[in-house]
Amino acid sequence: MKRIVLASVAALFLVTSIAMFLAPSTVFHTLPGATMTGPFNRHFVMDVGIVFFVCGLAIVWGMRKRDATALMFAFAWPCLHALLHLYMWVMRSFALDLPAAANFGLIQLPAWLGLWAAIGSVKAWRAG
């Protein structure tokens, strides 16, 4: 189960990164809530895409090599990013709308479920 979660999160991060790098304007203008953060900034969207790419690769590397450091590092930025978005949701008075749903499904769930799977995998590697 944990391997499926990790592989799914890695795939999500890699696909997201490619979309952000190749079509940053499209991603920005179609992602619910993105336009609420300010005007489109191509450089910023592409930078975030690169971060998602590195995190996705680190998950793949960590899984293949059983590298606990790489796997845990892979979730550092996604979890910090998720905390930022939780703060933004609180500042929006816990709005239950499309941006909140996107936040939950595309940011919170992959970050925290992925971290859970990473920690469980590392524990299993060390035990066995």
Protein backbone atom coordinates (compact mmCIF):
# COMPACT_ATOMS: atom_id res chain seq x y z
CA MET A 1 0.00 0.00 0.00
CA LYS A 2 2.76 2.45 0.95
CA ARG A 3 4.61 1.81 -2.32
CA ILE A 4 1.43 2.55 -4.27
CA VAL A 5 0.97 5.83 -2.36
CA LEU A 6 4.59 6.82 -2.92
CA ALA A 7 4.49 5.94 -6.63
CA SER A 8 1.21 7.84 -7.04
CA VAL A 9 2.56 10.95 -5.31
CA ALA A 10 5.78 10.77 -7.35
CA ALA A 11 3.75 10.53 -10.56
CA LEU A 12 1.53 13.44 -9.50
CA PHE A 13 4.57 15.59 -8.70
CA LEU A 14 6.34 14.70 -11.96
CA VAL A 15 3.27 15.30 -14.15
CA THR A 16 2.54 18.55 -12.30
CA SER A 17 6.12 19.69 -12.77
CA ILE A 18 6.09 19.01 -16.49
CA ALA A 19 2.79 20.87 -16.90
CA MET A 20 4.06 23.83 -14.87
CA PHE A 21 7.24 24.02 -16.90
CA LEU A 22 5.74 23.52 -20.36
CA ALA A 23 2.44 25.40 -19.90
CA PRO A 24 2.80 27.70 -16.89
CA SER A 25 0.07 30.12 -17.99
CA THR A 26 -2.43 27.32 -18.55
CA VAL A 27 -1.68 25.78 -15.16
CA PHE A 28 -1.96 29.13 -13.39
CA HIS A 29 -5.22 30.10 -15.03
CA THR A 30 -6.93 26.71 -14.63
CA LEU A 31 -5.81 25.77 -11.11
CA PRO A 32 -8.64 26.75 -8.72
CA GLY A 33 -7.56 29.61 -6.50
CA ALA A 34 -4.25 30.37 -8.21
CA THR A 35 -5.48 33.66 -9.66
CA MET A 36 -6.51 34.72 -6.14
CA THR A 37 -2.82 34.87 -5.18
CA GLY A 38 -1.92 37.71 -7.54
CA PRO A 39 -0.99 38.19 -11.19
CA PHE A 40 0.53 35.45 -13.32
CA ASN A 41 4.29 35.15 -12.96
CA ARG A 42 5.79 32.70 -15.50
CA HIS A 43 9.13 32.51 -13.72
CA PHE A 44 7.53 31.68 -10.35
CA VAL A 45 5.25 28.98 -11.78
CA MET A 46 8.19 27.37 -13.59
CA ASP A 47 10.33 27.55 -10.42
CA VAL A 48 7.62 25.72 -8.47
CA GLY A 49 7.47 23.18 -11.30
CA ILE A 50 11.18 22.53 -10.89
CA VAL A 51 10.72 21.99 -7.14
CA PHE A 52 7.93 19.47 -7.80
CA PHE A 53 10.21 17.73 -10.32
CA VAL A 54 13.06 17.42 -7.81
CA CYS A 55 10.67 16.13 -5.12
CA GLY A 56 9.19 13.58 -7.53
CA LEU A 57 12.64 12.36 -8.54
CA ALA A 58 13.70 12.14 -4.90
CA ILE A 59 10.70 9.91 -4.17
CA VAL A 60 11.58 7.64 -7.09
CA TRP A 61 15.25 7.55 -6.04
CA GLY A 62 14.37 6.88 -2.41
CA MET A 63 12.06 4.03 -3.33
CA ARG A 64 14.48 2.40 -5.78
CA LYS A 65 17.58 2.70 -3.60
CA ARG A 66 15.82 2.38 -0.24
CA ASP A 67 17.39 5.71 0.59
CA ALA A 68 15.66 7.03 3.70
CA THR A 69 17.33 10.44 3.48
CA ALA A 70 16.17 11.01 -0.10
CA LEU A 71 12.67 9.82 0.68
CA MET A 72 12.28 12.03 3.74
CA PHE A 73 13.87 15.01 1.96
CA ALA A 74 11.39 14.51 -0.89
CA PHE A 75 8.54 15.47 1.46
CA ALA A 76 10.17 18.45 3.18
CA TRP A 77 8.99 21.04 0.65
CA PRO A 78 5.55 19.48 -0.05
CA CYS A 79 4.74 19.43 3.69
CA LEU A 80 5.96 23.00 4.24
CA HIS A 81 3.99 24.04 1.15
CA ALA A 82 0.93 22.28 2.60
CA LEU A 83 1.35 24.16 5.89
CA LEU A 84 1.44 27.45 3.98
CA HIS A 85 -1.78 26.50 2.20
CA LEU A 86 -3.43 25.51 5.49
CA TYR A 87 -2.55 28.97 6.80
CA MET A 88 -4.04 30.55 3.66
CA TRP A 89 -7.22 28.49 4.14
CA VAL A 90 -7.50 29.68 7.73
CA MET A 91 -7.03 33.28 6.54
CA ARG A 92 -9.92 32.68 4.13
CA SER A 93 -12.11 31.75 7.13
CA PHE A 94 -12.13 28.03 6.32
CA ALA A 95 -13.98 28.59 3.04
CA LEU A 96 -15.48 25.41 1.60
CA ASP A 97 -15.18 26.13 -2.11
CA LEU A 98 -13.35 24.92 -5.22
CA PRO A 99 -9.96 26.41 -4.19
CA ALA A 100 -10.30 24.66 -0.81
CA ALA A 101 -11.09 21.36 -2.54
CA ALA A 102 -8.08 21.80 -4.84
CA ASN A 103 -5.94 22.60 -1.79
CA PHE A 104 -7.09 19.42 -0.09
CA GLY A 105 -6.81 17.10 -3.08
CA LEU A 106 -3.72 18.48 -4.81
CA ILE A 107 -1.64 19.82 -1.91
CA GLN A 108 -2.68 18.49 1.50
CA LEU A 109 -3.48 14.88 0.62
CA PRO A 110 -0.34 14.14 -1.44
CA ALA A 111 1.95 15.84 1.09
CA TRP A 112 0.65 14.24 4.27
CA LEU A 113 -0.32 10.85 2.85
CA GLY A 114 3.04 10.71 1.09
CA LEU A 115 4.91 11.59 4.28
CA TRP A 116 2.98 8.87 6.13
CA ALA A 117 3.95 6.33 3.45
CA ALA A 118 7.57 7.50 3.46
CA ILE A 119 7.88 7.17 7.24
CA GLY A 120 6.23 3.75 7.13
CA SER A 121 8.55 2.59 4.37
CA VAL A 122 11.66 3.77 6.18
CA LYS A 123 10.53 2.01 9.37
CA ALA A 124 9.92 -1.20 7.42
CA TRP A 125 13.34 -1.01 5.74
CA ARG A 126 15.05 -0.56 9.09
CA ALA A 127 13.08 -3.39 10.69
CA GLY A 128 13.68 -5.89 7.93
